[in-house]
């Protein structure tokens, strides 16, 4: 299956499933199932219908949600990268940070934790925390 085709379907389905009317439709299906319980004598088949249906929907929604989350995360990362790139004095090494391995990310995190601690200490002493560390 073509990735663009899957992405397009994924976008449309995620928009559709996120609507209140879709929730009401799902709620209606459940209420209908509950109401038909006495008609079918709460049989094993009656229970199997809802179990199978919800399992299939859940299975498919996992992939849909993951695709949507991946796309949204990539878009946010690109926007953040552009803000870093366009900001004077920003560290361009932070762009595309999510692609680094854990050790490299931890090195950046440690550096920024030290900067935050230093800024909090300045605030506690009545200073400001809006400077640039390199200045």
N, C-alpha and C. Protein backbone atom coordinates (compact mmCIF):
# COMPACT_ATOMS: atom_id res chain seq x y z
N UNK A 1 0.85 -1.18 0.00
CA UNK A 1 0.00 0.00 0.00
C UNK A 1 0.89 1.23 0.00
N UNK A 2 0.57 2.18 -0.84
CA UNK A 2 1.31 3.42 -0.97
C UNK A 2 1.20 4.23 0.33
N UNK A 3 2.31 4.80 0.81
CA UNK A 3 2.32 5.55 2.06
C UNK A 3 1.44 6.80 1.97
N UNK A 4 1.43 7.46 0.80
CA UNK A 4 0.58 8.65 0.64
C UNK A 4 -0.89 8.26 0.70
N UNK A 5 -1.23 7.13 0.10
CA UNK A 5 -2.61 6.65 0.12
C UNK A 5 -3.03 6.34 1.55
N UNK A 6 -2.18 5.63 2.27
CA UNK A 6 -2.47 5.29 3.67
C UNK A 6 -2.58 6.54 4.51
N UNK A 7 -1.66 7.48 4.32
CA UNK A 7 -1.68 8.73 5.07
C UNK A 7 -2.96 9.52 4.82
N UNK A 8 -3.40 9.55 3.57
CA UNK A 8 -4.64 10.26 3.24
C UNK A 8 -5.85 9.62 3.88
N UNK A 9 -5.92 8.30 3.80
CA UNK A 9 -7.04 7.60 4.44
C UNK A 9 -6.98 7.80 5.95
N UNK A 10 -5.79 7.71 6.50
CA UNK A 10 -5.61 7.87 7.93
C UNK A 10 -6.10 9.24 8.40
N UNK A 11 -5.77 10.30 7.66
CA UNK A 11 -6.21 11.64 8.02
C UNK A 11 -7.73 11.74 8.01
N UNK A 12 -8.34 11.23 6.93
CA UNK A 12 -9.80 11.32 6.82
C UNK A 12 -10.49 10.52 7.91
N UNK A 13 -10.03 9.32 8.16
CA UNK A 13 -10.65 8.48 9.18
C UNK A 13 -10.46 9.08 10.57
N UNK A 14 -9.27 9.62 10.85
CA UNK A 14 -9.05 10.20 12.18
C UNK A 14 -9.92 11.43 12.39
N UNK A 15 -10.12 12.22 11.35
CA UNK A 15 -11.04 13.36 11.48
C UNK A 15 -12.46 12.88 11.73
N UNK A 16 -12.86 11.86 11.00
CA UNK A 16 -14.22 11.34 11.14
C UNK A 16 -14.43 10.72 12.52
N UNK A 17 -13.47 9.94 12.98
CA UNK A 17 -13.64 9.27 14.28
C UNK A 17 -13.56 10.23 15.45
N UNK A 18 -12.99 11.40 15.25
CA UNK A 18 -12.88 12.37 16.32
C UNK A 18 -14.11 13.25 16.49
N UNK A 19 -15.11 13.08 15.66
CA UNK A 19 -16.31 13.92 15.73
C UNK A 19 -17.28 13.41 16.79
N UNK A 20 -18.03 14.32 17.38
CA UNK A 20 -19.05 13.91 18.36
C UNK A 20 -20.09 12.97 17.76
N UNK A 21 -20.43 13.16 16.49
CA UNK A 21 -21.43 12.30 15.87
C UNK A 21 -20.95 10.85 15.78
N UNK A 22 -19.66 10.66 15.60
CA UNK A 22 -19.10 9.31 15.55
C UNK A 22 -19.17 8.67 16.93
N UNK A 23 -18.89 9.45 17.96
CA UNK A 23 -19.02 8.94 19.32
C UNK A 23 -20.48 8.54 19.59
N UNK A 24 -21.41 9.37 19.18
CA UNK A 24 -22.82 9.06 19.38
C UNK A 24 -23.22 7.81 18.61
N UNK A 25 -22.67 7.62 17.41
CA UNK A 25 -22.92 6.41 16.63
C UNK A 25 -22.43 5.17 17.40
N UNK A 26 -21.23 5.25 17.94
CA UNK A 26 -20.68 4.13 18.71
C UNK A 26 -21.52 3.87 19.95
N UNK A 27 -21.93 4.93 20.60
CA UNK A 27 -22.79 4.80 21.77
C UNK A 27 -24.11 4.14 21.39
N UNK A 28 -24.64 4.53 20.24
CA UNK A 28 -25.88 3.93 19.74
C UNK A 28 -25.75 2.44 19.49
N UNK A 29 -24.61 2.04 18.93
CA UNK A 29 -24.37 0.62 18.68
C UNK A 29 -24.36 -0.14 20.00
N UNK A 30 -23.71 0.41 21.00
CA UNK A 30 -23.64 -0.26 22.30
C UNK A 30 -25.02 -0.35 22.95
N UNK A 31 -25.77 0.75 22.88
CA UNK A 31 -27.11 0.74 23.46
C UNK A 31 -27.99 -0.29 22.74
N UNK A 32 -27.89 -0.34 21.41
CA UNK A 32 -28.65 -1.33 20.64
C UNK A 32 -28.26 -2.74 21.06
N UNK A 33 -26.99 -2.97 21.24
CA UNK A 33 -26.51 -4.28 21.66
C UNK A 33 -27.08 -4.64 23.04
N UNK A 34 -27.05 -3.67 23.95
CA UNK A 34 -27.58 -3.92 25.30
C UNK A 34 -29.08 -4.22 25.24
N UNK A 35 -29.81 -3.45 24.46
CA UNK A 35 -31.25 -3.62 24.37
C UNK A 35 -31.61 -4.98 23.76
N UNK A 36 -30.80 -5.46 22.84
CA UNK A 36 -31.09 -6.76 22.20
C UNK A 36 -30.68 -7.94 23.07
N UNK A 37 -30.02 -7.68 24.18
CA UNK A 37 -29.60 -8.76 25.09
C UNK A 37 -30.74 -9.67 25.49
N UNK A 38 -31.84 -9.12 26.01
CA UNK A 38 -32.96 -10.00 26.40
C UNK A 38 -33.58 -10.73 25.21
N UNK A 39 -33.58 -10.10 24.05
CA UNK A 39 -34.15 -10.74 22.85
C UNK A 39 -33.37 -12.00 22.50
N UNK A 40 -32.05 -11.92 22.63
CA UNK A 40 -31.20 -13.07 22.30
C UNK A 40 -30.84 -13.89 23.53
N UNK A 41 -31.48 -13.60 24.64
CA UNK A 41 -31.26 -14.38 25.86
C UNK A 41 -29.85 -14.24 26.42
N UNK A 42 -29.23 -13.10 26.16
CA UNK A 42 -27.85 -12.86 26.63
C UNK A 42 -26.94 -14.05 26.30
N UNK A 43 -27.12 -14.58 25.11
CA UNK A 43 -26.38 -15.78 24.69
C UNK A 43 -24.90 -15.49 24.48
N UNK A 44 -24.15 -16.57 24.33
CA UNK A 44 -22.72 -16.44 24.05
C UNK A 44 -22.49 -15.74 22.71
N UNK A 45 -23.33 -16.03 21.74
CA UNK A 45 -23.20 -15.39 20.42
C UNK A 45 -23.44 -13.89 20.54
N UNK A 46 -24.45 -13.51 21.33
CA UNK A 46 -24.75 -12.09 21.56
C UNK A 46 -23.54 -11.39 22.16
N UNK A 47 -22.89 -12.01 23.12
CA UNK A 47 -21.70 -11.44 23.74
C UNK A 47 -20.52 -11.42 22.77
N UNK A 48 -20.40 -12.47 21.98
CA UNK A 48 -19.31 -12.57 21.01
C UNK A 48 -19.37 -11.46 19.97
N UNK A 49 -20.57 -11.05 19.59
CA UNK A 49 -20.73 -9.98 18.60
C UNK A 49 -20.05 -8.70 19.08
N UNK A 50 -20.35 -8.26 20.29
CA UNK A 50 -19.76 -7.01 20.78
C UNK A 50 -18.27 -7.18 21.06
N UNK A 51 -17.88 -8.34 21.59
CA UNK A 51 -16.46 -8.57 21.87
C UNK A 51 -15.62 -8.55 20.59
N UNK A 52 -16.12 -9.23 19.57
CA UNK A 52 -15.40 -9.27 18.30
C UNK A 52 -15.36 -7.89 17.64
N UNK A 53 -16.50 -7.22 17.65
CA UNK A 53 -16.57 -5.88 17.04
C UNK A 53 -15.64 -4.90 17.70
N UNK A 54 -15.67 -4.85 19.01
CA UNK A 54 -14.81 -3.89 19.72
C UNK A 54 -13.34 -4.25 19.59
N UNK A 55 -13.03 -5.53 19.54
CA UNK A 55 -11.64 -5.95 19.36
C UNK A 55 -11.11 -5.51 18.01
N UNK A 56 -11.90 -5.71 16.97
CA UNK A 56 -11.47 -5.32 15.62
C UNK A 56 -11.30 -3.81 15.53
N UNK A 57 -12.27 -3.06 16.05
CA UNK A 57 -12.18 -1.60 16.00
C UNK A 57 -10.96 -1.12 16.79
N UNK A 58 -10.75 -1.67 17.97
CA UNK A 58 -9.60 -1.29 18.79
C UNK A 58 -8.29 -1.59 18.08
N UNK A 59 -8.20 -2.76 17.48
CA UNK A 59 -6.98 -3.17 16.77
C UNK A 59 -6.66 -2.17 15.65
N UNK A 60 -7.67 -1.81 14.87
CA UNK A 60 -7.45 -0.88 13.76
C UNK A 60 -7.16 0.53 14.26
N UNK A 61 -7.82 0.93 15.34
CA UNK A 61 -7.61 2.28 15.86
C UNK A 61 -6.20 2.47 16.40
N UNK A 62 -5.59 1.43 16.90
CA UNK A 62 -4.21 1.53 17.39
C UNK A 62 -3.29 2.01 16.26
N UNK A 63 -3.43 1.44 15.08
CA UNK A 63 -2.60 1.84 13.95
C UNK A 63 -2.95 3.24 13.48
N UNK A 64 -4.22 3.56 13.48
CA UNK A 64 -4.66 4.89 13.07
C UNK A 64 -4.13 5.95 14.03
N UNK A 65 -4.25 5.71 15.31
CA UNK A 65 -3.77 6.66 16.31
C UNK A 65 -2.26 6.82 16.21
N UNK A 66 -1.54 5.72 16.02
CA UNK A 66 -0.09 5.80 15.91
C UNK A 66 0.32 6.60 14.68
N UNK A 67 -0.36 6.39 13.55
CA UNK A 67 -0.05 7.14 12.34
C UNK A 67 -0.30 8.63 12.56
N UNK A 68 -1.43 8.95 13.16
CA UNK A 68 -1.77 10.35 13.42
C UNK A 68 -0.77 10.98 14.37
N UNK A 69 -0.41 10.25 15.42
CA UNK A 69 0.55 10.78 16.38
C UNK A 69 1.93 10.97 15.73
N UNK A 70 2.36 10.04 14.92
CA UNK A 70 3.65 10.18 14.24
C UNK A 70 3.66 11.41 13.34
N UNK A 71 2.59 11.61 12.59
CA UNK A 71 2.50 12.75 11.67
C UNK A 71 2.48 14.06 12.46
N UNK A 72 1.68 14.12 13.52
CA UNK A 72 1.61 15.34 14.33
C UNK A 72 2.95 15.64 15.00
N UNK A 73 3.60 14.62 15.53
CA UNK A 73 4.89 14.81 16.18
C UNK A 73 5.93 15.31 15.19
N UNK A 74 5.95 14.74 13.99
CA UNK A 74 6.91 15.18 12.97
C UNK A 74 6.67 16.64 12.61
N UNK A 75 5.40 17.04 12.47
CA UNK A 75 5.08 18.43 12.13
C UNK A 75 5.51 19.37 13.25
N UNK A 76 5.25 19.01 14.48
CA UNK A 76 5.65 19.84 15.62
C UNK A 76 7.17 19.97 15.67
N UNK A 77 7.88 18.86 15.47
CA UNK A 77 9.34 18.92 15.50
C UNK A 77 9.89 19.83 14.41
N UNK A 78 9.28 19.76 13.22
CA UNK A 78 9.74 20.64 12.14
C UNK A 78 9.48 22.11 12.47
N UNK A 79 8.34 22.39 13.07
CA UNK A 79 8.04 23.77 13.47
C UNK A 79 9.03 24.25 14.53
N UNK A 80 9.33 23.40 15.49
CA UNK A 80 10.31 23.77 16.52
C UNK A 80 11.69 23.98 15.90
N UNK A 81 12.06 23.11 14.97
CA UNK A 81 13.35 23.26 14.28
C UNK A 81 13.41 24.61 13.56
N UNK A 82 12.31 25.00 12.93
CA UNK A 82 12.28 26.28 12.22
C UNK A 82 12.40 27.45 13.20
N UNK A 83 11.76 27.35 14.35
CA UNK A 83 11.89 28.41 15.35
C UNK A 83 13.33 28.52 15.85
N UNK A 84 13.97 27.40 16.06
CA UNK A 84 15.38 27.41 16.48
C UNK A 84 16.23 28.04 15.38
N UNK A 85 16.01 27.61 14.14
CA UNK A 85 16.81 28.11 13.02
C UNK A 85 16.65 29.61 12.84
N UNK A 86 15.44 30.12 13.04
CA UNK A 86 15.15 31.52 12.77
C UNK A 86 15.43 32.44 13.95
N UNK A 87 15.76 31.89 15.12
CA UNK A 87 15.99 32.71 16.31
C UNK A 87 17.47 33.02 16.46
N UNK A 88 17.77 34.30 16.49
CA UNK A 88 19.17 34.71 16.65
C UNK A 88 19.67 34.23 18.02
N UNK A 89 20.83 33.65 18.04
CA UNK A 89 21.44 33.19 19.28
C UNK A 89 21.00 31.79 19.70
N UNK A 90 20.04 31.21 18.99
CA UNK A 90 19.59 29.86 19.34
C UNK A 90 20.65 28.85 18.90
N UNK A 91 20.67 27.73 19.56
CA UNK A 91 21.64 26.68 19.24
C UNK A 91 21.08 25.77 18.15
N UNK A 92 21.62 25.89 16.96
CA UNK A 92 21.16 25.06 15.84
C UNK A 92 21.43 23.58 16.07
N UNK A 93 22.32 23.25 16.97
CA UNK A 93 22.60 21.83 17.28
C UNK A 93 21.38 21.16 17.89
N UNK A 94 20.44 21.95 18.40
CA UNK A 94 19.22 21.37 18.99
C UNK A 94 18.20 20.96 17.94
N UNK A 95 18.41 21.42 16.71
CA UNK A 95 17.48 21.02 15.65
C UNK A 95 17.60 19.52 15.42
N UNK A 96 16.47 18.88 15.16
CA UNK A 96 16.43 17.44 14.86
C UNK A 96 16.96 16.61 16.03
N UNK A 97 16.81 17.13 17.22
CA UNK A 97 17.31 16.49 18.44
C UNK A 97 16.71 15.10 18.64
N UNK A 98 15.46 14.93 18.23
CA UNK A 98 14.78 13.65 18.44
C UNK A 98 15.42 12.49 17.69
N UNK A 99 16.30 12.79 16.76
CA UNK A 99 16.98 11.74 15.98
C UNK A 99 18.26 11.25 16.64
N UNK A 100 18.69 11.92 17.71
CA UNK A 100 19.93 11.52 18.38
C UNK A 100 19.69 10.29 19.26
N UNK A 101 20.78 9.62 19.63
CA UNK A 101 20.62 8.48 20.54
C UNK A 101 20.48 8.99 21.97
N UNK A 102 20.12 8.10 22.88
CA UNK A 102 19.82 8.47 24.26
C UNK A 102 21.00 9.16 24.95
N UNK A 103 22.20 8.69 24.70
CA UNK A 103 23.38 9.26 25.35
C UNK A 103 23.56 10.72 24.94
N UNK A 104 23.40 11.01 23.67
CA UNK A 104 23.54 12.38 23.18
C UNK A 104 22.42 13.27 23.73
N UNK A 105 21.21 12.76 23.75
CA UNK A 105 20.08 13.53 24.29
C UNK A 105 20.30 13.81 25.77
N UNK A 106 20.80 12.83 26.49
CA UNK A 106 21.04 13.01 27.92
C UNK A 106 22.11 14.08 28.18
N UNK A 107 23.09 14.17 27.30
CA UNK A 107 24.12 15.21 27.44
C UNK A 107 23.48 16.60 27.29
N UNK A 108 22.61 16.76 26.30
CA UNK A 108 21.90 18.03 26.13
C UNK A 108 21.00 18.31 27.34
N UNK A 109 20.28 17.29 27.80
CA UNK A 109 19.37 17.45 28.94
C UNK A 109 20.14 17.90 30.18
N UNK A 110 21.27 17.29 30.43
CA UNK A 110 22.08 17.65 31.60
C UNK A 110 22.53 19.11 31.52
N UNK A 111 22.94 19.53 30.34
CA UNK A 111 23.37 20.91 30.14
C UNK A 111 22.23 21.87 30.46
N UNK A 112 21.05 21.57 29.95
CA UNK A 112 19.91 22.48 30.16
C UNK A 112 19.37 22.39 31.59
N UNK A 113 19.54 21.28 32.24
CA UNK A 113 19.16 21.19 33.65
C UNK A 113 20.08 22.07 34.50
N UNK A 114 21.36 22.10 34.16
CA UNK A 114 22.31 22.97 34.87
C UNK A 114 21.97 24.44 34.63
N UNK A 115 21.63 24.78 33.39
CA UNK A 115 21.24 26.16 33.09
C UNK A 115 19.98 26.56 33.86
N UNK A 116 19.01 25.65 33.93
CA UNK A 116 17.76 25.94 34.66
C UNK A 116 18.04 26.12 36.15
N UNK A 117 18.89 25.28 36.71
CA UNK A 117 19.22 25.39 38.14
C UNK A 117 19.91 26.72 38.41
N UNK A 118 20.79 27.12 37.53
CA UNK A 118 21.49 28.39 37.68
C UNK A 118 20.51 29.56 37.60
N UNK A 119 19.57 29.49 36.67
CA UNK A 119 18.57 30.55 36.52
C UNK A 119 17.67 30.63 37.75
N UNK A 120 17.27 29.49 38.30
CA UNK A 120 16.44 29.48 39.51
C UNK A 120 17.20 30.06 40.70
N UNK A 121 18.48 29.78 40.77
CA UNK A 121 19.30 30.32 41.86
C UNK A 121 19.38 31.85 41.73
N UNK A 122 19.52 32.36 40.52
CA UNK A 122 19.54 33.81 40.29
C UNK A 122 18.21 34.42 40.71
N UNK A 123 17.11 33.77 40.36
CA UNK A 123 15.79 34.27 40.74
C UNK A 123 15.63 34.32 42.25
N UNK A 124 16.11 33.30 42.92
CA UNK A 124 16.00 33.24 44.39
C UNK A 124 16.79 34.37 45.05
N UNK A 125 17.83 34.85 44.37
CA UNK A 125 18.65 35.94 44.90
C UNK A 125 18.18 37.30 44.40
N UNK A 126 17.00 37.31 43.74
CA UNK A 126 16.43 38.57 43.26
C UNK A 126 16.88 38.96 41.87
N UNK A 127 17.60 38.10 41.19
CA UNK A 127 18.06 38.39 39.84
C UNK A 127 17.01 38.05 38.80
N UNK A 128 17.41 38.11 37.55
CA UNK A 128 16.52 37.76 36.44
C UNK A 128 17.06 36.51 35.76
N UNK A 129 16.18 35.86 35.03
CA UNK A 129 16.61 34.62 34.35
C UNK A 129 16.42 34.72 32.84
N UNK A 130 16.51 35.93 32.30
CA UNK A 130 16.25 36.12 30.87
C UNK A 130 17.50 36.36 30.06
N UNK A 131 18.65 36.11 30.62
CA UNK A 131 19.88 36.34 29.88
C UNK A 131 20.19 35.16 28.94
N UNK A 132 21.25 35.31 28.17
CA UNK A 132 21.73 34.23 27.34
C UNK A 132 22.99 33.71 27.98
N UNK A 133 23.10 32.41 28.13
CA UNK A 133 24.26 31.84 28.84
C UNK A 133 25.60 32.24 28.23
N UNK A 134 25.62 32.46 26.94
CA UNK A 134 26.89 32.77 26.26
C UNK A 134 27.29 34.23 26.44
N UNK A 135 26.35 35.08 26.91
CA UNK A 135 26.62 36.52 27.00
C UNK A 135 27.49 36.84 28.20
